[in-house]
Amino acid sequence: MHPISAGNHSIYFNEEVYSFLETYIHEKRYSNVFILVDSNTSEHCLSYFLSSLVVEIPLEIIELEPGEEHKTIATCVEVWQTLIELGADRKTLLINLGGGVVTDLGGFVASTFKRGIDFINIPTSLLGMVDAAIGGKNGVDLGPLKNQIGVINPPQAVLIDTDFLSTLPGNQMRSGLAEMLKHGLIYDRSYWEKFNDLSQLDYTDLDELIYRSIEIKNEIVLQDPTENGIRKALNFGHTLGHAIESYFLESEEKNSLLHGEAIAAGMVLEAYLSYEKQLLTKEDYREIKTFLLSLYEPIDFSEKDMEEILKNLIHDKKNEYGKIQFALLDGIGGISLNQYFENQQIIAAFDDYKN
């Protein structure tokens, strides 16, 4: 697979990954190189990565606790302090080897340490490969509120080695799949339709689907790097999805959801809102709802749940002047930005989801 140009950096795949990285580290003459991992990637991915990479410079490992609950400023402080203690300087390279939490947090750490050092993202989860590591968004959560603190700053490269996917459990693969399905819904109907019968897909197909998903996100980001226009399309399913994810993360009565599980619910809800705006036919809405609920177990929302989720909506990053904005579908494969709804209309979407 050919590298994808992402403006001032490139995205490399499989056989190109380690030859690029070895040459890059040699040519840039870094003072030191740090690898940021969490305990999961340390156990399942790090030895494979180190055995595949041949460089002369010593590599230092920084390990985090896994999970969204550790994607915080407090964790960043610990990493910054470790970098200082181990002699990092402006000529340091940080390699973020992990899922979306590692690449989001690692990119933010690198972008702010000594006013910015180089970093490279090597996503090890499907969600990281098709979404989190692509597009230059870096940041952390503020309490239960997703991605409230951060910067947009591209890495030096993104390196995709799909062999890492063999370490993932099925629920993590489904979590990443939600973002791939979103890319088809907002941009490419033929891509969405390729997922209609997942039983017919094998790992060769998966590599091609991942490549196309990255192409779609990259094409959108290149048009609008700072999210003032078309990049908002990537938030389809995320306005309600993030509010749901945040609520389930902070509630002591609920089990937390994986990102893709919350986003799948958000896409069903926002597809309903698209239908209500007459942007989506009833047939297309039913197709989306039926398919997503066949892949992701429906979530049981009580009236209290809906009230708390609606409160969380006010914190969505797209909101302007106190109004909640949605990026909705304009047919499958199209998008309509800056759509507004009253709370009762959103509750109607939840009611339809439950029925």
Protein backbone atom coordinates (compact mmCIF):
# COMPACT_ATOMS: atom_id res chain seq x y z
CA MET A 1 0.00 0.00 0.00
CA HIS A 2 1.36 3.37 -1.02
CA PRO A 3 1.94 6.05 1.64
CA ILE A 4 -0.81 8.64 1.99
CA SER A 5 0.26 12.30 1.98
CA ALA A 6 -1.29 14.19 4.89
CA GLY A 7 0.10 17.61 4.05
CA ASN A 8 3.31 18.13 5.99
CA HIS A 9 3.67 14.44 6.90
CA SER A 10 2.81 11.03 5.50
CA ILE A 11 1.02 7.88 6.65
CA TYR A 12 2.98 4.67 6.01
CA PHE A 13 1.69 1.11 5.97
CA ASN A 14 2.92 -2.35 6.97
CA GLU A 15 6.09 -3.18 4.98
CA GLU A 16 7.12 0.51 4.79
CA VAL A 17 6.80 1.23 8.51
CA TYR A 18 10.11 0.09 9.99
CA SER A 19 12.37 1.00 7.07
CA PHE A 20 10.91 4.53 7.16
CA LEU A 21 11.34 4.82 10.93
CA GLU A 22 14.94 3.55 10.94
CA THR A 23 15.94 5.97 8.18
CA TYR A 24 14.04 8.84 9.76
CA ILE A 25 15.62 8.46 13.22
CA HIS A 26 19.10 8.16 11.67
CA GLU A 27 18.71 11.25 9.48
CA LYS A 28 17.15 13.49 12.14
CA ARG A 29 19.94 12.79 14.64
CA TYR A 30 17.73 12.98 17.73
CA SER A 31 19.38 13.40 21.13
CA ASN A 32 17.14 10.68 22.55
CA VAL A 33 14.01 8.71 21.68
CA PHE A 34 11.19 7.86 24.08
CA ILE A 35 8.42 5.34 23.48
CA LEU A 36 5.12 6.02 25.23
CA VAL A 37 3.00 2.91 25.90
CA ASP A 38 0.31 1.79 28.29
CA SER A 39 0.54 -1.49 30.19
CA ASN A 40 -1.52 -3.28 27.53
CA THR A 41 0.71 -2.28 24.62
CA SER A 42 3.76 -2.87 26.78
CA GLU A 43 2.64 -6.46 27.25
CA HIS A 44 1.27 -7.25 23.81
CA CYS A 45 2.98 -4.94 21.29
CA LEU A 46 6.25 -3.54 22.60
CA SER A 47 8.51 -6.58 22.17
CA TYR A 48 7.32 -7.07 18.58
CA PHE A 49 7.89 -3.40 17.84
CA LEU A 50 11.40 -3.36 19.35
CA SER A 51 12.37 -6.56 17.51
CA SER A 52 11.26 -5.01 14.22
CA LEU A 53 13.24 -1.78 14.68
CA VAL A 54 17.02 -1.57 14.28
CA VAL A 55 18.48 1.77 15.44
CA GLU A 56 21.72 2.77 17.15
CA ILE A 57 20.24 5.28 19.59
CA PRO A 58 19.04 3.92 22.98
CA LEU A 59 15.27 3.83 23.45
CA GLU A 60 13.59 4.80 26.73
CA ILE A 61 10.14 3.43 27.63
CA ILE A 62 7.46 5.40 29.49
CA GLU A 63 4.48 3.30 30.59
CA LEU A 64 0.98 4.55 31.47
CA GLU A 65 -2.01 2.97 33.14
CA PRO A 66 -4.51 1.94 30.43
CA GLY A 67 -8.00 3.35 29.93
CA GLU A 68 -9.89 6.55 29.18
CA GLU A 69 -9.99 7.42 32.90
CA HIS A 70 -6.22 8.05 32.74
CA LYS A 71 -6.41 10.45 29.76
CA THR A 72 -5.98 13.46 32.03
CA ILE A 73 -3.75 16.44 32.72
CA ALA A 74 -2.52 14.62 35.83
CA THR A 75 -1.14 11.83 33.63
CA CYS A 76 0.48 14.44 31.36
CA VAL A 77 2.22 15.98 34.37
CA GLU A 78 3.66 12.58 35.25
CA VAL A 79 4.94 12.08 31.69
CA TRP A 80 6.40 15.60 31.48
CA GLN A 81 8.17 15.02 34.79
CA THR A 82 9.55 11.69 33.59
CA LEU A 83 10.84 13.29 30.39
CA ILE A 84 12.63 15.95 32.45
CA GLU A 85 14.14 13.37 34.81
CA LEU A 86 15.41 11.25 31.90
CA GLY A 87 17.05 14.16 30.11
CA ALA A 88 14.61 14.95 27.30
CA ASP A 89 15.29 18.17 25.40
CA ARG A 90 14.11 20.01 22.29
CA LYS A 91 15.81 17.37 20.08
CA THR A 92 13.88 14.50 21.66
CA LEU A 93 11.51 12.29 19.64
CA LEU A 94 8.42 10.82 21.32
CA ILE A 95 6.94 7.70 19.70
CA ASN A 96 3.35 7.06 20.77
CA LEU A 97 2.77 3.30 20.55
CA GLY A 98 -0.76 2.43 21.55
CA GLY A 99 -4.46 3.01 21.11
CA GLY A 100 -6.35 6.27 21.00
CA VAL A 101 -5.62 7.24 24.60
CA VAL A 102 -1.85 6.89 24.07
CA THR A 103 -1.75 8.79 20.76
CA ASP A 104 -4.14 11.53 21.94
CA LEU A 105 -2.29 12.09 25.20
CA GLY A 106 1.19 11.52 23.76
CA GLY A 107 0.59 14.03 20.99
CA PHE A 108 -0.52 16.61 23.55
CA VAL A 109 2.47 15.89 25.80
CA ALA A 110 4.88 16.31 22.86
CA SER A 111 3.14 19.41 21.48
CA THR A 112 3.49 21.24 24.81
CA PHE A 113 6.75 19.89 26.27
CA LYS A 114 9.41 22.63 25.96
CA ARG A 115 6.95 24.35 23.58
CA GLY A 116 6.92 21.38 21.26
CA ILE A 117 9.02 18.33 20.38
CA ASP A 118 8.64 15.90 17.46
CA PHE A 119 6.35 12.93 17.81
CA ILE A 120 5.27 9.95 15.70
CA ASN A 121 2.03 8.02 16.14
CA ILE A 122 2.03 4.23 15.83
CA PRO A 123 -1.56 3.18 16.58
CA THR A 124 -2.05 -0.40 17.76
CA SER A 125 -5.87 -0.48 17.88
CA LEU A 126 -8.32 -0.31 15.01
CA LEU A 127 -9.85 2.84 16.49
CA GLY A 128 -6.40 4.42 16.64
CA MET A 129 -5.54 3.46 13.06
CA VAL A 130 -8.66 4.83 11.39
CA ASP A 131 -9.40 7.77 13.67
CA ALA A 132 -7.46 8.84 16.77
CA ALA A 133 -3.96 8.88 15.28
CA ILE A 134 -5.06 10.60 12.05
CA GLY A 135 -5.65 14.33 11.65
CA GLY A 136 -3.40 15.99 14.20
CA LYS A 137 -5.87 16.31 17.09
CA ASN A 138 -4.19 15.81 20.46
CA GLY A 139 -5.64 16.24 23.92
CA VAL A 140 -7.05 14.98 27.17
CA ASP A 141 -10.37 14.82 28.99
CA LEU A 142 -11.46 17.19 31.72
CA GLY A 143 -13.12 15.01 34.33
CA PRO A 144 -15.67 12.93 32.42
CA LEU A 145 -15.89 15.45 29.54
CA LYS A 146 -14.18 14.18 26.42
CA ASN A 147 -11.26 15.99 24.75
CA GLN A 148 -11.89 19.38 26.35
CA ILE A 149 -8.18 20.30 26.56
CA GLY A 150 -5.91 19.97 23.55
CA VAL A 151 -4.24 21.28 20.43
CA ILE A 152 -4.26 20.55 16.71
CA ASN A 153 -0.68 19.71 15.79
CA PRO A 154 0.34 17.07 13.25
CA PRO A 155 2.89 14.33 13.99
CA GLN A 156 6.03 13.79 11.95
CA ALA A 157 4.46 10.61 10.60
CA VAL A 158 1.75 8.04 11.29
CA LEU A 159 2.82 4.40 10.95
CA ILE A 160 0.15 1.73 10.44
CA ASP A 161 1.15 -1.89 11.08
CA THR A 162 -2.03 -3.97 10.93
CA ASP A 163 -0.25 -6.96 12.53
CA PHE A 164 -0.93 -5.25 15.86
CA LEU A 165 -4.65 -5.95 15.39
CA SER A 166 -4.09 -9.63 16.15
CA THR A 167 -3.63 -8.62 19.81
CA LEU A 168 -7.11 -7.05 20.10
CA PRO A 169 -10.25 -8.62 21.58
CA GLY A 170 -13.43 -8.56 19.52
CA ASN A 171 -15.07 -5.70 21.41
CA GLN A 172 -12.09 -3.44 20.65
CA MET A 173 -12.28 -4.34 16.96
CA ARG A 174 -15.99 -3.47 16.93
CA SER A 175 -15.19 -0.18 18.66
CA GLY A 176 -12.87 0.82 15.83
CA LEU A 177 -15.29 -0.45 13.21
CA ALA A 178 -17.82 2.20 14.30
CA GLU A 179 -15.53 4.96 13.02
CA MET A 180 -15.04 3.14 9.71
CA LEU A 181 -18.80 2.86 9.29
CA LYS A 182 -19.10 6.56 10.04
CA HIS A 183 -16.65 7.39 7.25
CA GLY A 184 -18.87 5.56 4.78
CA LEU A 185 -22.04 7.21 6.05
CA ILE A 186 -20.68 10.76 5.77
CA TYR A 187 -18.56 10.45 2.63
CA ASP A 188 -18.83 7.30 0.51
CA ARG A 189 -22.00 5.22 0.20
CA SER A 190 -20.20 2.45 -1.73
CA TYR A 191 -17.73 2.13 1.16
CA TRP A 192 -20.60 1.84 3.67
CA GLU A 193 -22.18 -0.88 1.52
CA LYS A 194 -18.99 -2.97 1.60
CA PHE A 195 -19.77 -3.73 5.25
CA ASN A 196 -23.23 -5.15 4.56
CA ASP A 197 -22.04 -8.73 5.02
CA LEU A 198 -19.15 -8.80 7.48
CA SER A 199 -19.00 -12.60 7.34
CA GLN A 200 -17.61 -12.35 3.81
CA LEU A 201 -14.64 -10.17 4.81
CA ASP A 202 -11.16 -11.51 5.63
CA TYR A 203 -7.94 -9.85 6.83
CA THR A 204 -6.93 -8.92 3.26
CA ASP A 205 -10.22 -7.06 2.92
CA LEU A 206 -9.61 -5.46 6.33
CA ASP A 207 -6.30 -3.94 5.23
CA GLU A 208 -8.00 -2.39 2.19
CA LEU A 209 -10.92 -1.13 4.27
CA ILE A 210 -8.57 0.43 6.81
CA TYR A 211 -6.63 2.11 4.00
CA ARG A 212 -9.82 3.58 2.49
CA SER A 213 -11.08 4.73 5.89
CA ILE A 214 -7.82 6.61 6.48
CA GLU A 215 -8.04 8.10 2.99
CA ILE A 216 -11.53 9.43 3.72
CA LYS A 217 -10.59 11.04 7.03
CA ASN A 218 -7.39 12.47 5.56
CA GLU A 219 -9.20 13.96 2.55
CA ILE A 220 -11.62 15.74 4.88
CA VAL A 221 -8.89 16.98 7.24
CA LEU A 222 -6.78 18.37 4.39
CA GLN A 223 -9.73 20.52 3.31
CA ASP A 224 -10.23 21.94 6.81
CA PRO A 225 -7.35 21.25 9.26
CA THR A 226 -8.69 23.44 12.09
CA GLU A 227 -12.35 22.32 11.96
CA ASN A 228 -14.04 25.51 10.87
CA GLY A 229 -16.10 23.82 8.16
CA ILE A 230 -16.23 20.41 6.49
CA ARG A 231 -14.10 18.71 9.16
CA LYS A 232 -17.15 18.98 11.43
CA ALA A 233 -18.57 16.15 9.29
CA LEU A 234 -16.33 13.78 11.24
CA ASN A 235 -18.43 14.56 14.32
CA PHE A 236 -21.48 12.73 12.96
CA GLY A 237 -22.63 10.48 15.79
CA HIS A 238 -20.24 12.14 18.21
CA THR A 239 -22.37 14.98 19.59
CA LEU A 240 -24.71 12.54 21.30
CA GLY A 241 -22.12 9.74 21.32
CA HIS A 242 -19.61 11.72 23.39
CA ALA A 243 -22.37 12.89 25.76
CA ILE A 244 -23.39 9.25 26.25
CA GLU A 245 -19.77 8.11 26.70
CA SER A 246 -19.07 10.84 29.26
CA TYR A 247 -22.21 10.06 31.25
CA PHE A 248 -21.48 6.33 31.41
CA LEU A 249 -17.87 7.08 32.38
CA GLU A 250 -18.80 9.28 35.35
CA SER A 251 -21.89 7.41 36.60
CA GLU A 252 -21.23 5.03 39.48
CA GLU A 253 -24.35 3.09 38.50
CA LYS A 254 -23.24 2.39 34.93
CA ASN A 255 -20.56 0.29 33.29
CA SER A 256 -18.41 2.50 31.07
CA LEU A 257 -18.79 2.10 27.31
CA LEU A 258 -16.08 1.72 24.72
CA HIS A 259 -15.83 4.73 22.43
CA GLY A 260 -17.22 2.89 19.41
CA GLU A 261 -20.15 1.50 21.41
CA ALA A 262 -21.21 5.02 22.41
CA ILE A 263 -20.62 6.39 18.90
CA ALA A 264 -22.70 3.62 17.32
CA ALA A 265 -25.63 4.66 19.54
CA GLY A 266 -24.93 8.29 18.67
CA MET A 267 -25.03 7.51 14.96
CA VAL A 268 -28.43 5.80 15.27
CA LEU A 269 -29.79 8.79 17.21
CA GLU A 270 -28.34 11.36 14.83
CA ALA A 271 -29.51 9.37 11.80
CA TYR A 272 -33.01 9.71 13.26
CA LEU A 273 -32.50 13.48 13.58
CA SER A 274 -31.36 13.49 9.93
CA TYR A 275 -34.59 11.70 9.01
CA GLU A 276 -36.63 14.20 11.04
CA LYS A 277 -34.98 17.05 9.10
CA GLN A 278 -35.96 15.24 5.87
CA LEU A 279 -32.30 14.89 4.98
CA LEU A 280 -32.48 11.08 5.10
CA THR A 281 -35.17 8.79 3.71
CA LYS A 282 -37.05 6.47 6.03
CA GLU A 283 -35.56 3.49 4.17
CA ASP A 284 -31.99 4.72 4.63
CA TYR A 285 -32.62 5.49 8.30
CA ARG A 286 -34.03 2.00 8.90
CA GLU A 287 -31.06 0.46 7.09
CA ILE A 288 -28.60 2.36 9.31
CA LYS A 289 -30.49 1.64 12.53
CA THR A 290 -30.99 -2.06 11.79
CA PHE A 291 -27.37 -2.65 10.80
CA LEU A 292 -25.81 -0.76 13.72
CA LEU A 293 -28.07 -2.38 16.31
CA SER A 294 -27.20 -5.79 14.88
CA LEU A 295 -23.51 -5.09 15.59
CA TYR A 296 -23.72 -3.12 18.84
CA GLU A 297 -25.91 -4.24 21.71
CA PRO A 298 -28.66 -1.66 22.28
CA ILE A 299 -28.16 0.52 25.34
CA ASP A 300 -30.98 0.79 27.87
CA PHE A 301 -31.58 4.51 28.50
CA SER A 302 -33.80 5.49 31.42
CA GLU A 303 -35.46 8.91 31.67
CA LYS A 304 -32.81 9.94 34.20
CA ASP A 305 -30.08 8.81 31.78
CA MET A 306 -31.53 10.95 29.01
CA GLU A 307 -31.75 14.00 31.27
CA GLU A 308 -28.09 13.68 32.29
CA ILE A 309 -26.96 13.08 28.69
CA LEU A 310 -28.82 16.19 27.55
CA LYS A 311 -26.98 18.18 30.25
CA ASN A 312 -23.66 16.90 28.86
CA LEU A 313 -24.50 18.17 25.37
CA ILE A 314 -23.80 21.77 26.37
CA HIS A 315 -20.09 20.90 26.68
CA ASP A 316 -19.73 19.67 23.08
CA LYS A 317 -16.79 21.38 21.36
CA LYS A 318 -18.82 22.35 18.27
CA ASN A 319 -21.30 24.45 20.23
CA GLU A 320 -21.40 28.17 19.54
CA TYR A 321 -23.28 30.89 21.44
CA GLY A 322 -24.79 28.24 23.72
CA LYS A 323 -26.46 26.37 20.86
CA ILE A 324 -25.97 22.64 20.33
CA GLN A 325 -24.82 21.92 16.77
CA PHE A 326 -25.11 18.61 14.96
CA ALA A 327 -23.41 17.31 11.82
CA LEU A 328 -26.16 15.24 10.18
CA LEU A 329 -26.40 12.94 7.19
CA ASP A 330 -27.64 14.37 3.90
CA GLY A 331 -28.40 10.97 2.46
CA ILE A 332 -25.94 8.12 2.96
CA GLY A 333 -22.58 9.46 1.80
CA GLY A 334 -23.41 13.14 2.33
CA ILE A 335 -23.38 15.60 5.23
CA SER A 336 -25.25 18.68 6.41
CA LEU A 337 -23.49 20.85 9.00
CA ASN A 338 -24.63 23.17 11.78
CA GLN A 339 -28.07 21.68 12.43
CA TYR A 340 -29.93 22.61 15.63
CA PHE A 341 -32.57 20.81 17.70
CA GLU A 342 -34.63 21.39 20.82
CA ASN A 343 -34.39 18.93 23.70
CA GLN A 344 -37.81 17.42 22.96
CA GLN A 345 -36.68 16.51 19.44
CA ILE A 346 -33.58 14.81 20.84
CA ILE A 347 -35.72 12.89 23.37
CA ALA A 348 -37.85 11.70 20.44
CA ALA A 349 -34.68 10.25 18.90
CA PHE A 350 -34.00 8.32 22.12
CA ASP A 351 -37.60 7.06 22.15
CA ASP A 352 -37.24 5.78 18.60
CA TYR A 353 -33.88 4.17 19.45
CA LYS A 354 -35.48 2.26 22.32
CA ASN A 355 -38.32 1.07 20.09
